[in-house]
Protein backbone atom coordinates (compact mmCIF):
# COMPACT_ATOMS: atom_id res chain seq x y z
CA MET A 1 -2.60 29.96 -47.01
CA GLN A 2 -4.79 32.09 -49.29
CA VAL A 3 -5.50 30.90 -52.84
CA VAL A 4 -7.36 32.93 -55.47
CA VAL A 5 -10.45 30.98 -56.56
CA GLY A 6 -12.19 33.57 -58.71
CA ARG A 7 -12.53 37.10 -60.04
CA VAL A 8 -15.77 39.07 -59.99
CA GLY A 9 -17.08 40.04 -63.41
CA ARG A 10 -20.13 41.96 -64.53
CA PRO A 11 -23.49 41.93 -62.75
CA HIS A 12 -26.25 39.59 -63.91
CA GLY A 13 -29.78 40.87 -63.46
CA VAL A 14 -30.94 43.35 -60.83
CA HIS A 15 -30.93 41.22 -57.68
CA GLY A 16 -27.21 41.12 -56.93
CA ASP A 17 -26.06 38.11 -58.94
CA VAL A 18 -22.61 38.47 -60.47
CA ASN A 19 -20.62 36.59 -63.09
CA VAL A 20 -17.47 35.06 -61.65
CA GLU A 21 -14.42 33.91 -63.56
CA SER A 22 -13.70 30.69 -61.68
CA ARG A 23 -10.06 29.88 -60.99
CA THR A 24 -10.72 26.56 -59.31
CA ASP A 25 -11.49 23.05 -60.46
CA GLU A 26 -13.77 22.66 -57.45
CA PRO A 27 -16.42 25.39 -57.78
CA ASP A 28 -19.05 23.34 -55.92
CA ARG A 29 -16.73 23.21 -52.93
CA ARG A 30 -15.15 26.68 -53.10
CA PHE A 31 -18.43 28.56 -53.74
CA ALA A 32 -20.79 26.54 -51.53
CA PRO A 33 -23.42 28.65 -49.71
CA GLY A 34 -22.02 29.94 -46.43
CA THR A 35 -18.42 29.99 -47.65
CA VAL A 36 -16.60 33.16 -46.59
CA LEU A 37 -14.24 34.47 -49.26
CA THR A 38 -11.50 37.03 -48.69
CA THR A 39 -11.29 39.89 -51.19
CA ASP A 40 -8.94 42.69 -52.18
CA HIS A 41 -11.78 45.25 -51.85
CA ALA A 42 -11.49 47.80 -49.01
CA ALA A 43 -15.23 48.15 -48.35
CA HIS A 44 -15.84 44.39 -48.49
CA PRO A 45 -12.73 42.54 -47.25
CA GLN A 46 -14.87 39.41 -46.90
CA LEU A 47 -17.91 38.18 -48.80
CA THR A 48 -20.18 35.32 -47.81
CA VAL A 49 -21.61 33.19 -50.60
CA ALA A 50 -25.41 33.25 -50.37
CA GLY A 51 -25.80 30.99 -53.38
CA TYR A 52 -24.40 29.99 -56.73
CA ARG A 53 -25.72 28.61 -59.99
CA TRP A 54 -24.67 28.01 -63.56
CA HIS A 55 -26.31 30.02 -66.32
CA SER A 56 -25.38 29.46 -69.98
CA GLY A 57 -22.04 27.98 -68.94
CA ARG A 58 -21.20 30.88 -66.62
CA LEU A 59 -20.85 30.77 -62.87
CA LEU A 60 -23.16 33.21 -61.07
CA LEU A 61 -22.72 34.02 -57.38
CA ARG A 62 -24.81 35.97 -54.92
CA PHE A 63 -23.29 37.37 -51.73
CA THR A 64 -25.09 38.13 -48.45
CA GLU A 65 -23.31 41.49 -48.08
CA VAL A 66 -24.46 42.94 -51.42
CA SER A 67 -28.00 42.62 -52.70
CA ASP A 68 -28.46 44.77 -55.77
CA ARG A 69 -26.90 45.46 -59.15
CA THR A 70 -25.29 48.77 -58.13
CA ALA A 71 -23.52 47.25 -55.13
CA VAL A 72 -22.30 44.29 -57.17
CA GLU A 73 -21.05 46.58 -59.96
CA ALA A 74 -18.62 48.14 -57.46
CA LEU A 75 -17.04 44.68 -57.00
CA ARG A 76 -16.11 44.20 -60.66
CA GLY A 77 -12.53 42.94 -60.94
CA VAL A 78 -12.27 41.97 -57.25
CA LEU A 79 -10.27 38.81 -56.57
CA LEU A 80 -11.90 36.15 -54.40
CA SER A 81 -9.63 34.03 -52.20
CA THR A 82 -10.05 31.26 -49.67
CA ASP A 83 -7.88 29.49 -47.14
CA VAL A 84 -6.37 26.17 -48.14
CA ASP A 85 -4.06 23.85 -46.28
CA PRO A 86 -0.54 24.37 -47.75
CA GLU A 87 -0.19 20.58 -47.93
CA GLU A 88 -3.45 20.20 -49.87
CA ILE A 89 -3.01 18.93 -53.39
CA PRO A 90 -5.52 19.67 -56.16
CA ALA A 91 -7.69 16.68 -57.13
CA ASP A 92 -6.47 16.76 -60.77
CA PRO A 93 -2.84 15.58 -61.03
CA ASP A 94 -2.24 18.09 -63.86
CA GLU A 95 -3.35 21.06 -61.71
CA PHE A 96 -1.15 22.99 -59.30
CA TYR A 97 -1.53 25.81 -56.84
CA ASP A 98 0.68 28.83 -57.53
CA HIS A 99 2.60 28.30 -54.28
CA GLN A 100 3.57 24.81 -55.48
CA LEU A 101 5.12 26.22 -58.67
CA VAL A 102 6.83 29.38 -57.42
CA GLY A 103 10.42 28.59 -56.57
CA LEU A 104 10.71 25.47 -58.73
CA THR A 105 13.94 25.18 -60.72
CA VAL A 106 13.31 25.30 -64.47
CA VAL A 107 15.41 22.97 -66.59
CA ASP A 108 15.43 22.16 -70.29
CA GLN A 109 15.14 18.64 -71.72
CA SER A 110 18.89 18.09 -71.32
CA GLY A 111 18.81 19.08 -67.64
CA THR A 112 20.42 22.52 -68.05
CA THR A 113 19.15 24.96 -65.43
CA LEU A 114 17.39 27.94 -67.02
CA GLY A 115 16.13 29.69 -63.87
CA ARG A 116 13.38 29.57 -61.26
CA ILE A 117 9.64 30.22 -61.36
CA SER A 118 9.17 33.65 -59.75
CA GLU A 119 5.46 34.16 -60.46
CA VAL A 120 2.39 32.64 -62.09
CA VAL A 121 0.29 35.06 -64.15
CA HIS A 122 -3.35 34.15 -64.77
CA GLY A 123 -5.35 35.34 -67.74
CA ALA A 124 -6.64 33.81 -70.94
CA GLN A 125 -3.53 31.61 -70.72
CA ASP A 126 -1.60 30.87 -67.52
CA LEU A 127 2.00 32.04 -67.80
CA LEU A 128 5.03 31.07 -65.76
CA VAL A 129 7.46 33.92 -65.13
CA VAL A 130 10.94 32.44 -65.12
CA ALA A 131 13.72 34.41 -63.42
CA ARG A 132 16.66 33.44 -65.63
CA VAL A 133 20.11 32.73 -64.25
CA ASP A 134 21.36 35.82 -66.15
CA GLY A 135 18.89 38.07 -64.26
CA ARG A 136 16.36 38.48 -67.07
CA HIS A 137 12.74 37.29 -66.87
CA VAL A 138 10.83 35.36 -69.52
CA MET A 139 7.21 34.22 -69.66
CA VAL A 140 6.47 30.63 -70.61
CA PRO A 141 2.91 29.53 -71.43
CA PHE A 142 1.93 26.82 -68.93
CA VAL A 143 0.78 24.20 -71.43
CA GLY A 144 1.70 20.53 -71.72
CA ALA A 145 3.45 20.97 -75.06
CA LEU A 146 5.96 23.40 -73.50
CA VAL A 147 5.99 22.06 -69.94
CA PRO A 148 6.05 18.26 -70.23
CA ALA A 149 6.99 17.55 -66.60
CA VAL A 150 6.33 19.17 -63.22
CA ASP A 151 8.00 17.53 -60.23
CA VAL A 152 6.87 19.48 -57.18
CA ALA A 153 8.45 17.02 -54.73
CA GLY A 154 11.74 17.13 -56.66
CA GLY A 155 11.62 20.93 -56.94
CA ARG A 156 11.89 21.13 -60.71
CA LEU A 157 9.91 21.84 -63.84
CA VAL A 158 11.03 20.60 -67.26
CA VAL A 159 10.42 22.76 -70.33
CA ASP A 160 10.64 21.98 -74.04
CA LEU A 161 10.76 25.44 -75.59
CA PRO A 162 10.87 26.46 -79.23
CA ASP A 163 13.97 28.26 -80.43
CA GLY A 164 13.94 31.96 -79.60
CA LEU A 165 11.39 31.88 -76.74
CA LEU A 166 14.07 32.50 -74.12
CA ASP A 167 15.14 35.63 -76.02
CA LEU A 168 11.72 37.28 -75.42
CA THR A 169 12.28 38.86 -72.01
CA VAL A 170 9.79 40.89 -69.96
CA ASP A 171 12.39 43.16 -68.37
């Protein structure tokens, strides 16, 4: 199963280094030299990590297939994915892979079914897209204050939402 582990940002320097927005809690493992990453880029469907380092709190990668600033610039915005075992569980008990969340039944604190997770949207804040039982969709920020319990084995996610949040649909 493919899991997105990063997104290519802007180039760094002239030798092919690139800033990467990491989407993994295990960057040392996922971006180790020699790791082959799958991309959504037609000209470079796979990229091999030549090296990585941290610079001013930012992850910098270098790939064997691209070696200069111009080539790396063409990769800006490309998603980087890797294979993971579908049974693998993230090391942090408060972290989840998207495939673990999609399909979970969403219930409120009283146990009333509100819908199912149809998608996880990543950005400055991870959002859960909930397909409501009435056919509408709503986005719920994936934070502990609003999502106090995730029971992957039990197939449900408990939410504690402020009044009015369920009225803000994305349809």
